[in-house]
Amino acid sequence: MMVSDSFMWDFTKLRKTPRPRWPFAQGEETVSKRAGVVCVASGKGGVGKSFIASNLACLRAAAGERVCLVDFDAGLANAHLLFGLAPKHDLGSVLDGTVTAEEALIEGPHGLHLLSGGVGRARLANPTRRELGRLFTALRALEETHDLVVVDHGAGLGYAVIAHLAAAKSFLLVTNPEVTALSDAYAVFKRAQAVNAGVRVGVVINRAEDEEVAKEAYERLAAVSRRFLGRDLELAGWVETDPEVPRSVRARQPLILGSGESSAVAGIKALASWEGLESSNPGESFYDRARAALR
């Protein structure tokens, strides 16, 4: 099918200069700039949040950035499956003190680093404030060794999600055109607004039949936000329903690696140029801010 001009990806908007991969070899110069941290959240499960986060992270890594994807869907992690990876360590290992956050990373396509959230770990499913504080302290090191950290959250309004959103400069809110998904997305934004009034929010409409459906869904969500919260929302991007998506999931390979002409790939490429990704660096440490939000 034809892809509209608005979906053509402008690589010049990304930082394409190759940077040394982490971990640095002895003698290599490190980059002092702290990473931007972008949270990817949703109200309702099953809207494709992990698909968006994993493909976005992979695409930014392909542009030459040092990218880390943190699967914070703690206890029910699946990002490693989307990459066909089998991590030896995960967030639970970091929480236990078995390894550092850097040691728990596993390398994926284009040098992307993944920190898995672990599967079936009860402590990660509902961590205490003290446990989250320890995790945030450990994860702070990732900001010093990457250009961009993408945090894939579990659906809903868990304690870890709220702490992250309280620290964020910007985050992506993934939904689909269904009324239940839009309602739950509004609930997440309302809570984010309560703990972080200045946060920049980019809405991603996933699995839309076409651009008209995507824009209509966005306008419904934005209208409710304007009416009840006095805040507008940005449309960061939309991704069309595409049979290549479930095929890529079954193949355990990010869609962007194998379907250059896919309409969904076009949507992800447009999303990768959202300006909110460039303004995601809080200046100070993101995870220091997140830890402070736990108090």
Protein backbone atom coordinates (compact mmCIF):
# COMPACT_ATOMS: atom_id res chain seq x y z
CA MET A 1 0.00 0.00 0.00
CA MET A 2 1.06 3.64 -0.41
CA VAL A 3 2.53 5.42 2.57
CA SER A 4 1.74 9.12 3.07
CA ASP A 5 4.55 11.69 2.86
CA SER A 6 4.03 12.50 6.53
CA PHE A 7 5.49 9.10 7.36
CA MET A 8 8.78 9.54 5.55
CA TRP A 9 11.56 9.27 8.11
CA ASP A 10 14.02 12.15 8.25
CA PHE A 11 17.25 10.66 9.57
CA THR A 12 18.70 14.16 9.87
CA LYS A 13 16.51 14.65 12.94
CA LEU A 14 18.44 11.93 14.72
CA ARG A 15 21.96 11.99 16.08
CA LYS A 16 23.61 9.73 13.53
CA THR A 17 27.26 10.16 14.52
CA PRO A 18 28.44 6.71 15.61
CA ARG A 19 29.49 6.54 19.23
CA PRO A 20 31.69 3.94 20.92
CA ARG A 21 29.70 0.96 22.11
CA TRP A 22 29.44 0.17 25.79
CA PRO A 23 31.36 -1.21 27.60
CA PHE A 24 34.24 1.00 26.53
CA ALA A 25 37.55 -0.59 25.75
CA GLN A 26 40.43 0.58 27.87
CA GLY A 27 41.67 3.94 26.67
CA GLU A 28 38.52 4.86 24.74
CA GLU A 29 37.04 8.27 25.40
CA THR A 30 33.72 8.26 27.22
CA VAL A 31 30.84 10.64 26.50
CA SER A 32 29.93 12.79 29.49
CA LYS A 33 26.44 13.69 28.31
CA ARG A 34 23.80 12.00 30.41
CA ALA A 35 21.23 9.90 28.56
CA GLY A 36 17.71 11.00 27.85
CA VAL A 37 15.19 8.66 29.49
CA VAL A 38 11.85 8.08 27.77
CA CYS A 39 9.10 6.06 29.43
CA VAL A 40 6.65 4.07 27.30
CA ALA A 41 3.41 3.51 29.17
CA SER A 42 -0.17 2.43 28.56
CA GLY A 43 -3.36 2.16 30.52
CA LYS A 44 -4.63 -1.07 29.02
CA GLY A 45 -2.64 -4.22 28.37
CA GLY A 46 -2.46 -5.64 24.87
CA VAL A 47 -2.25 -2.34 22.99
CA GLY A 48 1.23 -3.08 21.63
CA LYS A 49 3.32 -1.04 24.07
CA SER A 50 6.25 -3.48 24.14
CA PHE A 51 6.17 -3.76 20.36
CA ILE A 52 6.44 0.03 20.08
CA ALA A 53 9.17 0.31 22.72
CA SER A 54 11.35 -2.48 21.30
CA ASN A 55 11.14 -1.35 17.69
CA LEU A 56 11.67 2.30 18.61
CA ALA A 57 14.76 1.43 20.65
CA CYS A 58 16.11 -0.74 17.85
CA LEU A 59 15.56 1.98 15.28
CA ARG A 60 17.34 4.63 17.33
CA ALA A 61 20.25 2.22 17.85
CA ALA A 62 20.40 1.68 14.09
CA ALA A 63 20.86 5.46 13.70
CA GLY A 64 24.09 5.26 15.70
CA GLU A 65 22.94 6.00 19.24
CA ARG A 66 23.90 3.99 22.28
CA VAL A 67 20.45 2.80 23.34
CA CYS A 68 19.37 0.80 26.36
CA LEU A 69 15.90 -0.74 26.61
CA VAL A 70 14.83 -1.43 30.18
CA ASP A 71 11.92 -3.85 30.40
CA PHE A 72 10.24 -2.62 33.57
CA ASP A 73 7.18 -4.81 33.08
CA ALA A 74 8.72 -6.42 36.12
CA GLY A 75 7.85 -10.07 36.61
CA LEU A 76 6.00 -10.32 33.28
CA ALA A 77 8.78 -9.27 30.94
CA ASN A 78 8.60 -10.08 27.25
CA ALA A 79 10.98 -7.68 25.48
CA HIS A 80 13.65 -10.38 25.31
CA LEU A 81 11.22 -12.58 23.41
CA LEU A 82 10.63 -9.86 20.82
CA PHE A 83 14.40 -9.80 20.20
CA GLY A 84 14.92 -13.56 20.33
CA LEU A 85 17.31 -13.16 23.26
CA ALA A 86 17.86 -15.31 26.35
CA PRO A 87 19.26 -13.04 29.09
CA LYS A 88 21.29 -14.65 31.83
CA HIS A 89 20.41 -11.83 34.25
CA ASP A 90 17.46 -9.47 34.71
CA LEU A 91 16.10 -6.74 36.98
CA GLY A 92 15.68 -9.32 39.71
CA SER A 93 19.39 -10.11 39.56
CA VAL A 94 20.13 -6.40 39.94
CA LEU A 95 17.71 -6.09 42.85
CA ASP A 96 19.29 -9.10 44.56
CA GLY A 97 22.73 -7.56 44.14
CA THR A 98 23.95 -10.56 42.13
CA VAL A 99 25.15 -8.27 39.31
CA THR A 100 25.26 -4.58 38.52
CA ALA A 101 22.85 -3.05 36.02
CA GLU A 102 25.62 -2.92 33.42
CA GLU A 103 26.50 -6.57 33.99
CA ALA A 104 22.85 -7.57 33.50
CA LEU A 105 22.71 -6.09 30.00
CA ILE A 106 22.51 -8.29 26.94
CA GLU A 107 23.34 -7.02 23.47
CA GLY A 108 20.75 -7.01 20.72
CA PRO A 109 20.54 -5.73 17.13
CA HIS A 110 22.68 -2.72 16.16
CA GLY A 111 24.42 -2.79 19.53
CA LEU A 112 21.22 -2.09 21.46
CA HIS A 113 21.39 -3.15 25.12
CA LEU A 114 18.48 -4.82 26.87
CA LEU A 115 17.88 -5.12 30.59
CA SER A 116 15.19 -7.76 30.96
CA GLY A 117 12.48 -7.43 33.58
CA GLY A 118 12.44 -11.10 34.53
CA VAL A 119 9.59 -13.58 34.34
CA GLY A 120 7.55 -14.82 37.30
CA ARG A 121 9.51 -12.94 39.97
CA ALA A 122 7.06 -12.08 42.74
CA ARG A 123 9.30 -9.37 44.24
CA LEU A 124 9.39 -7.53 40.93
CA ALA A 125 5.65 -7.75 40.38
CA ASN A 126 4.97 -5.62 43.46
CA PRO A 127 8.23 -4.12 44.76
CA THR A 128 8.36 -2.14 47.97
CA ARG A 129 9.45 1.48 48.06
CA ARG A 130 12.82 0.43 49.48
CA GLU A 131 13.31 -2.17 46.72
CA LEU A 132 12.45 0.36 44.04
CA GLY A 133 14.88 2.80 45.59
CA ARG A 134 17.66 0.20 45.34
CA LEU A 135 16.79 -0.49 41.72
CA PHE A 136 16.74 3.18 40.83
CA THR A 137 20.15 3.66 42.43
CA ALA A 138 21.52 0.75 40.41
CA LEU A 139 19.94 1.91 37.15
CA ARG A 140 21.45 5.37 37.46
CA ALA A 141 24.70 4.05 35.97
CA LEU A 142 22.94 3.35 32.66
CA GLU A 143 22.45 7.09 32.15
CA GLU A 144 26.21 7.59 32.02
CA THR A 145 26.92 4.94 29.39
CA HIS A 146 24.08 5.48 26.91
CA ASP A 147 22.57 8.25 24.82
CA LEU A 148 18.97 7.10 25.21
CA VAL A 149 17.26 4.85 27.75
CA VAL A 150 13.81 3.57 26.77
CA VAL A 151 11.77 2.20 29.68
CA ASP A 152 9.01 -0.23 28.74
CA HIS A 153 6.50 -0.23 31.60
CA GLY A 154 3.79 -2.65 32.55
CA ALA A 155 0.25 -1.51 31.77
CA GLY A 156 -1.67 0.46 34.35
CA LEU A 157 -0.80 2.62 37.33
CA GLY A 158 1.61 0.56 39.38
CA TYR A 159 3.91 2.21 41.90
CA ALA A 160 6.97 1.84 39.67
CA VAL A 161 5.16 3.43 36.72
CA ILE A 162 4.10 6.46 38.76
CA ALA A 163 7.60 6.96 40.17
CA HIS A 164 9.05 6.92 36.67
CA LEU A 165 6.45 9.32 35.30
CA ALA A 166 7.06 11.68 38.20
CA ALA A 167 10.69 11.95 37.08
CA ALA A 168 10.11 12.11 33.32
CA LYS A 169 10.52 15.13 31.07
CA SER A 170 8.57 13.33 28.38
CA PHE A 171 6.88 9.98 27.87
CA LEU A 172 5.03 8.05 25.21
CA LEU A 173 1.45 7.01 25.95
CA VAL A 174 0.47 4.05 23.79
CA THR A 175 -3.15 3.22 23.08
CA ASN A 176 -5.36 1.97 20.27
CA PRO A 177 -8.62 3.41 18.89
CA GLU A 178 -10.85 1.29 21.16
CA VAL A 179 -12.86 3.30 23.68
CA THR A 180 -11.67 1.18 26.61
CA ALA A 181 -8.02 1.70 25.66
CA LEU A 182 -8.56 5.45 25.26
CA SER A 183 -10.29 5.64 28.64
CA ASP A 184 -7.42 3.83 30.36
CA ALA A 185 -4.87 5.98 28.55
CA TYR A 186 -6.60 9.09 29.89
CA ALA A 187 -6.40 7.64 33.41
CA VAL A 188 -2.63 7.23 33.05
CA PHE A 189 -2.22 10.77 31.76
CA LYS A 190 -4.40 12.17 34.55
CA ARG A 191 -2.24 10.47 37.16
CA ALA A 192 0.98 11.57 35.43
CA GLN A 193 -0.30 15.13 35.38
CA ALA A 194 -1.00 14.94 39.11
CA VAL A 195 2.56 13.92 39.99
CA ASN A 196 4.39 15.81 37.23
CA ALA A 197 2.44 18.78 35.88
CA GLY A 198 5.05 19.75 33.30
CA VAL A 199 5.61 16.36 31.72
CA ARG A 200 5.48 16.27 27.93
CA VAL A 201 3.20 13.53 26.61
CA GLY A 202 3.27 12.04 23.14
CA VAL A 203 0.28 9.88 22.24
CA VAL A 204 0.87 6.85 20.02
CA ILE A 205 -2.21 5.37 18.36
CA ASN A 206 -1.32 1.77 17.56
CA ARG A 207 -3.17 -0.66 15.30
CA ALA A 208 -5.21 2.03 13.55
CA GLU A 209 -7.05 1.11 10.36
CA ASP A 210 -5.86 4.29 8.66
CA GLU A 211 -4.74 7.84 9.38
CA GLU A 212 -8.29 9.14 9.73
CA VAL A 213 -9.10 6.57 12.43
CA ALA A 214 -5.85 7.38 14.24
CA LYS A 215 -6.47 11.12 14.23
CA GLU A 216 -10.07 10.67 15.34
CA ALA A 217 -8.92 8.53 18.30
CA TYR A 218 -6.27 11.07 19.21
CA GLU A 219 -8.76 13.95 19.06
CA ARG A 220 -11.14 12.12 21.37
CA LEU A 221 -8.40 11.63 23.93
CA ALA A 222 -7.06 15.18 23.55
CA ALA A 223 -10.55 16.71 23.85
CA VAL A 224 -11.15 14.98 27.18
CA SER A 225 -7.77 16.15 28.42
CA ARG A 226 -8.44 19.74 27.41
CA ARG A 227 -11.89 19.73 29.00
CA PHE A 228 -11.07 18.17 32.35
CA LEU A 229 -7.33 18.82 32.83
CA GLY A 230 -6.77 21.95 30.81
CA ARG A 231 -3.88 20.25 29.00
CA ASP A 232 -3.40 19.43 25.37
CA LEU A 233 -1.71 16.27 24.18
CA GLU A 234 0.70 15.77 21.30
CA LEU A 235 0.18 13.16 18.64
CA ALA A 236 3.65 11.62 18.57
CA GLY A 237 2.69 9.12 15.89
CA TRP A 238 0.41 6.33 14.77
CA VAL A 239 1.00 2.82 13.52
CA GLU A 240 -1.28 1.13 11.05
CA THR A 241 -2.68 -2.36 11.51
CA ASP A 242 -0.25 -4.54 9.61
CA PRO A 243 -0.10 -8.34 9.19
CA GLU A 244 3.69 -8.10 9.29
CA VAL A 245 3.54 -7.23 13.01
CA PRO A 246 2.31 -10.61 14.32
CA ARG A 247 4.66 -12.33 11.88
CA SER A 248 7.61 -10.44 13.33
CA VAL A 249 6.54 -11.36 16.86
CA ARG A 250 6.36 -15.03 15.95
CA ALA A 251 9.77 -14.75 14.31
CA ARG A 252 11.14 -13.09 17.49
CA GLN A 253 12.66 -10.31 15.44
CA PRO A 254 11.92 -6.57 15.57
CA LEU A 255 9.72 -5.58 12.66
CA ILE A 256 12.08 -2.85 11.48
CA LEU A 257 14.80 -5.41 10.76
CA GLY A 258 12.90 -7.29 8.11
CA SER A 259 10.00 -5.39 6.57
CA GLY A 260 11.29 -2.25 4.92
CA GLU A 261 8.10 -1.59 2.97
CA SER A 262 5.71 -2.39 5.82
CA SER A 263 3.20 0.33 6.70
CA ALA A 264 3.83 -0.30 10.41
CA VAL A 265 7.56 0.28 9.88
CA ALA A 266 6.73 3.64 8.30
CA GLY A 267 4.77 4.58 11.41
CA ILE A 268 7.59 3.59 13.75
CA LYS A 269 10.10 5.55 11.69
CA ALA A 270 7.94 8.66 11.98
CA LEU A 271 7.59 8.10 15.72
CA ALA A 272 11.38 7.87 16.07
CA SER A 273 11.60 11.52 15.04
CA TRP A 274 9.22 12.81 17.72
CA GLU A 275 10.82 15.89 19.25
CA GLY A 276 9.95 14.72 22.75
CA LEU A 277 12.67 12.09 22.45
CA GLU A 278 15.25 14.84 22.09
CA SER A 279 13.95 16.78 25.10
CA SER A 280 13.88 13.74 27.39
CA ASN A 281 17.10 14.56 29.23
CA PRO A 282 16.14 16.04 32.61
CA GLY A 283 19.56 17.68 33.07
CA GLU A 284 20.02 16.04 36.43
CA SER A 285 19.92 12.28 36.85
CA PHE A 286 16.56 10.80 35.90
CA TYR A 287 16.89 8.02 38.44
CA ASP A 288 17.82 10.46 41.19
CA ARG A 289 14.54 12.23 40.43
CA ALA A 290 12.66 8.92 40.40
CA ARG A 291 14.16 7.92 43.74
CA ALA A 292 13.16 11.28 45.20
CA ALA A 293 9.58 10.68 44.00
CA LEU A 294 9.41 7.63 46.27
CA ARG A 295 9.63 9.75 49.43
